[in-house]
Protein backbone atom coordinates (compact mmCIF):
# COMPACT_ATOMS: atom_id res chain seq x y z
CA UNK A 1 28.42 55.07 72.34
CA UNK A 2 26.37 52.72 74.50
CA UNK A 3 22.66 52.99 74.00
CA UNK A 4 21.01 51.47 77.04
CA UNK A 5 17.79 49.56 76.51
CA UNK A 6 17.50 48.03 79.98
CA UNK A 7 18.75 48.96 83.44
CA UNK A 8 18.39 46.51 86.29
CA UNK A 9 19.72 47.53 89.69
CA UNK A 10 19.94 44.67 92.20
CA UNK A 11 21.27 45.07 95.74
CA UNK A 12 22.58 42.03 97.61
CA UNK A 13 22.68 41.53 101.36
CA UNK A 14 26.49 41.58 101.21
CA UNK A 15 26.39 45.16 99.93
CA UNK A 16 27.19 44.52 96.28
CA UNK A 17 25.08 46.25 93.64
CA UNK A 18 24.72 44.74 90.17
CA UNK A 19 23.60 46.99 87.34
CA UNK A 20 22.83 45.25 84.05
CA UNK A 21 23.02 47.32 80.89
CA UNK A 22 21.78 45.99 77.58
CA UNK A 23 22.29 47.37 74.09
CA UNK A 24 22.42 46.03 70.53
CA UNK A 25 25.79 44.33 71.20
CA UNK A 26 24.64 42.37 74.28
CA UNK A 27 24.76 42.66 78.06
CA UNK A 28 27.22 44.45 80.30
CA UNK A 29 27.19 43.98 84.06
CA UNK A 30 28.44 46.77 86.31
CA UNK A 31 29.52 45.46 89.71
CA UNK A 32 29.58 48.12 92.42
CA UNK A 33 31.10 47.14 95.77
CA UNK A 34 29.54 48.70 98.86
CA UNK A 35 32.46 51.08 99.56
CA UNK A 36 32.20 52.68 96.10
CA UNK A 37 28.72 54.25 96.38
CA UNK A 38 29.31 55.05 100.05
CA UNK A 39 32.34 57.17 99.11
CA UNK A 40 30.59 58.68 96.07
CA UNK A 41 27.00 58.79 97.28
CA UNK A 42 25.90 61.90 95.36
CA UNK A 43 26.98 60.51 91.98
CA UNK A 44 25.42 57.14 92.70
CA UNK A 45 22.05 58.44 93.89
CA UNK A 46 21.46 61.60 91.87
CA UNK A 47 23.11 61.19 88.48
CA UNK A 48 20.90 61.28 85.41
CA UNK A 49 23.99 60.42 83.36
CA UNK A 50 26.45 58.19 85.20
CA UNK A 51 29.93 57.42 83.92
CA UNK A 52 31.53 54.34 85.43
CA UNK A 53 35.32 53.99 85.47
CA UNK A 54 36.74 50.66 86.46
CA UNK A 55 38.19 47.34 85.40
CA UNK A 56 36.79 45.80 82.23
CA UNK A 57 36.50 42.01 82.10
CA UNK A 58 35.45 40.52 78.79
CA UNK A 59 35.38 36.92 77.62
CA UNK A 60 34.97 35.78 74.03
CA UNK A 61 31.27 35.29 73.33
CA UNK A 62 30.35 36.09 76.91
CA UNK A 63 29.03 38.93 78.99
CA UNK A 64 31.14 41.99 79.71
CA UNK A 65 31.73 42.87 83.36
CA UNK A 66 32.83 46.28 84.65
CA UNK A 67 34.13 46.37 88.23
CA UNK A 68 33.26 49.95 89.23
CA UNK A 69 36.08 51.96 90.74
CA UNK A 70 34.84 55.52 90.35
CA UNK A 71 31.39 56.91 89.62
CA UNK A 72 31.11 60.23 87.79
CA UNK A 73 27.98 62.39 87.81
CA UNK A 74 27.70 63.84 84.29
CA UNK A 75 24.17 65.22 84.70
CA UNK A 76 25.37 68.64 83.58
CA UNK A 77 25.63 67.18 80.05
CA UNK A 78 21.88 66.58 80.08
CA UNK A 79 21.30 70.33 79.72
CA UNK A 80 23.25 70.31 76.45
CA UNK A 81 20.63 68.15 74.68
């Protein structure tokens, strides 16, 4: 389970969004291309719990990158806590 300690959401002029997640194991960068949030706007804008499905890129000793393919709004799980 990923415990997020930092969330940084940066938008570029080319329409790419970078979300940096940090936990006790290091950094993970989520890369969201412009078409992804446009097609899944509700999940991207309103989710309190966001699941990201995509391509995982990991290098030895380096940062993990996740190329977002689908965004899932799991906010309904928040009520279970």
